[in-house]
Amino acid sequence: MKVAFGMKAHSGWAALVVLGTRNGELLVVDRCRIELVEKEEASWAKQPYHAAERLSAGDARDLVRRGLASARRIAVGDQKDASLAAMIALQGQSK
């Protein structure tokens, strides 16, 4: 069974679409919005480049890197969860 997913990033969130096949037919298994920032970091992490504008170059670089690392960690976890859920859903539908 194959499952594919795609994401479109926005400021602090992303649209996640999960596709799968059943009996050779392509299906949209799930689509949802995932938040890419932790609540405690939302004041700056949704727009890290703007938050970094008034910082020194080194501090700005560190802030942007921290925001990117956090978003990447959250996105990878949500992708894994969505892929597993899609595979389970498709197995249930094929019976």
Protein backbone atom coordinates (compact mmCIF):
# COMPACT_ATOMS: atom_id res chain seq x y z
CA MET A 1 0.00 0.00 0.00
CA LYS A 2 1.31 3.43 -0.92
CA VAL A 3 0.61 6.68 0.86
CA ALA A 4 1.81 10.11 -0.23
CA PHE A 5 1.51 13.44 1.45
CA GLY A 6 2.13 17.02 0.55
CA MET A 7 2.42 20.21 2.52
CA LYS A 8 2.02 23.88 1.69
CA ALA A 9 3.65 26.08 4.30
CA HIS A 10 2.17 29.36 5.46
CA SER A 11 3.15 31.71 8.30
CA GLY A 12 3.27 29.40 11.31
CA TRP A 13 1.11 26.66 9.85
CA ALA A 14 0.84 24.33 6.88
CA ALA A 15 -1.86 22.57 4.91
CA LEU A 16 -1.25 18.81 4.93
CA VAL A 17 -2.89 16.55 2.33
CA VAL A 18 -2.58 12.77 2.47
CA LEU A 19 -3.31 10.63 -0.60
CA GLY A 20 -3.59 6.89 -0.87
CA THR A 21 -4.91 4.22 -3.19
CA ARG A 22 -7.66 1.68 -2.81
CA ASN A 23 -8.32 -0.85 -5.54
CA GLY A 24 -6.12 1.20 -7.85
CA GLU A 25 -8.13 4.38 -7.24
CA LEU A 26 -6.47 7.53 -5.88
CA LEU A 27 -8.17 8.88 -2.75
CA VAL A 28 -7.77 11.94 -0.56
CA VAL A 29 -7.43 10.22 2.79
CA ASP A 30 -6.98 13.32 4.93
CA ARG A 31 -6.41 17.02 4.72
CA CYS A 32 -5.80 19.23 7.67
CA ARG A 33 -4.07 22.28 9.04
CA ILE A 34 -1.03 21.70 11.20
CA GLU A 35 0.51 24.33 13.43
CA LEU A 36 4.26 24.65 12.90
CA VAL A 37 5.07 26.68 16.01
CA GLU A 38 4.85 25.96 19.69
CA LYS A 39 2.32 28.13 21.54
CA GLU A 40 5.00 29.63 23.78
CA GLU A 41 6.98 30.71 20.70
CA ALA A 42 4.05 31.99 18.62
CA SER A 43 4.79 35.67 19.27
CA TRP A 44 7.93 35.48 17.10
CA ALA A 45 8.03 32.05 15.44
CA LYS A 46 5.18 32.64 12.99
CA GLN A 47 7.23 35.40 11.36
CA PRO A 48 10.85 34.71 12.39
CA TYR A 49 12.37 36.93 9.72
CA HIS A 50 10.37 39.93 10.93
CA ALA A 51 11.20 39.12 14.54
CA ALA A 52 14.89 39.06 13.61
CA GLU A 53 14.93 42.39 11.74
CA ARG A 54 16.13 44.48 14.67
CA LEU A 55 18.62 41.97 16.04
CA SER A 56 22.32 41.77 15.36
CA ALA A 57 23.27 39.51 12.46
CA GLY A 58 24.39 36.67 14.75
CA ASP A 59 21.32 36.85 17.00
CA ALA A 60 19.04 37.08 13.96
CA ARG A 61 20.65 34.01 12.42
CA ASP A 62 20.22 32.07 15.66
CA LEU A 63 16.57 33.09 16.00
CA VAL A 64 15.71 32.09 12.43
CA ARG A 65 17.56 28.78 12.80
CA ARG A 66 15.67 28.09 16.03
CA GLY A 67 12.35 28.79 14.31
CA LEU A 68 13.19 26.60 11.32
CA ALA A 69 14.35 23.74 13.54
CA SER A 70 11.16 23.90 15.60
CA ALA A 71 8.92 23.97 12.51
CA ARG A 72 10.82 21.07 10.94
CA ARG A 73 10.55 18.97 14.12
CA ILE A 74 6.80 19.58 14.40
CA ALA A 75 6.19 18.95 10.68
CA VAL A 76 8.11 15.66 10.66
CA GLY A 77 6.17 14.40 13.67
CA ASP A 78 2.83 15.38 12.15
CA GLN A 79 3.76 13.79 8.81
CA LYS A 80 4.58 10.50 10.52
CA ASP A 81 1.29 10.59 12.44
CA ALA A 82 -0.69 11.41 9.28
CA SER A 83 1.01 8.67 7.27
CA LEU A 84 0.28 6.05 9.91
CA ALA A 85 -3.34 7.19 10.23
CA ALA A 86 -3.76 7.10 6.44
CA MET A 87 -2.39 3.58 6.18
CA ILE A 88 -4.73 2.41 8.94
CA ALA A 89 -7.69 4.13 7.28
CA LEU A 90 -6.90 2.62 3.89
CA GLN A 91 -6.53 -0.87 5.35
CA GLY A 92 -9.94 -0.52 6.98
CA GLN A 93 -11.53 0.63 3.71
CA SER A 94 -10.14 -2.23 1.66
CA LYS A 95 -12.01 -4.88 3.64
